[in-house]
Amino acid sequence: MTNARLAGITYVVLAVLTGMFLEHVFQLVWKYAGWVDPELLGPEWTVTTVAGFGLAFAAAVAAAMNKTIWETSLEVAAELRKVTWPSWPETKNATIAVIVVSVIVAAFLGTFDVAWKWLTDFIYEATI
C-alpha cells in the first residue's frame, strides 16, 4: 500500500467519523430549534444526515486538495511505515504490567485514604 493510498483511506475514514458526529450535532440543533428534519433519501437520510456527511466530505476533499496538508499527510504515512510496532506477546506483557501496577497503586492509595480518614475522624472527634 502506497503512502498516498494510506493517506486517502485515512481521509475517508475521518470524513465518515466526522460526518457521524456532525449528523448528531445537527440533529441536536434542529431538535432544540424546533425545526422539522424532513426525509430526503428515505427514512435514514434526513436533512441533518446529508448536511453532516456533506460538510465532512467537503472538508476532507478540501484538505486533500490543499498541497501543504496533503504533503504533510504523506510524510506522516512515511513515518508510520518506519515505526517498529510491538509484537502481540510484547503488547500482552505490557498490558499485564500496566494492570498489575494500577492495582498496586490503587491498593496503596486506598490504604492512605483509610489511614487519613481514621486520623481526621480521630482529630475531629477528640474532645478538649
Foldseek 3Di string as FASTA:
>chain_A
DALLVVLVVVLVVQLVVQLVVQLVVVVVVCVVVVHDFDADPDPVHTPSSCVSSVVSVVVSVVQCPPPVSVVVSSVVSVVVVVDDDDDPVVVVVVVVVVVVVVVVVVVVVVVVVVVVVVVVVVVVPDDD
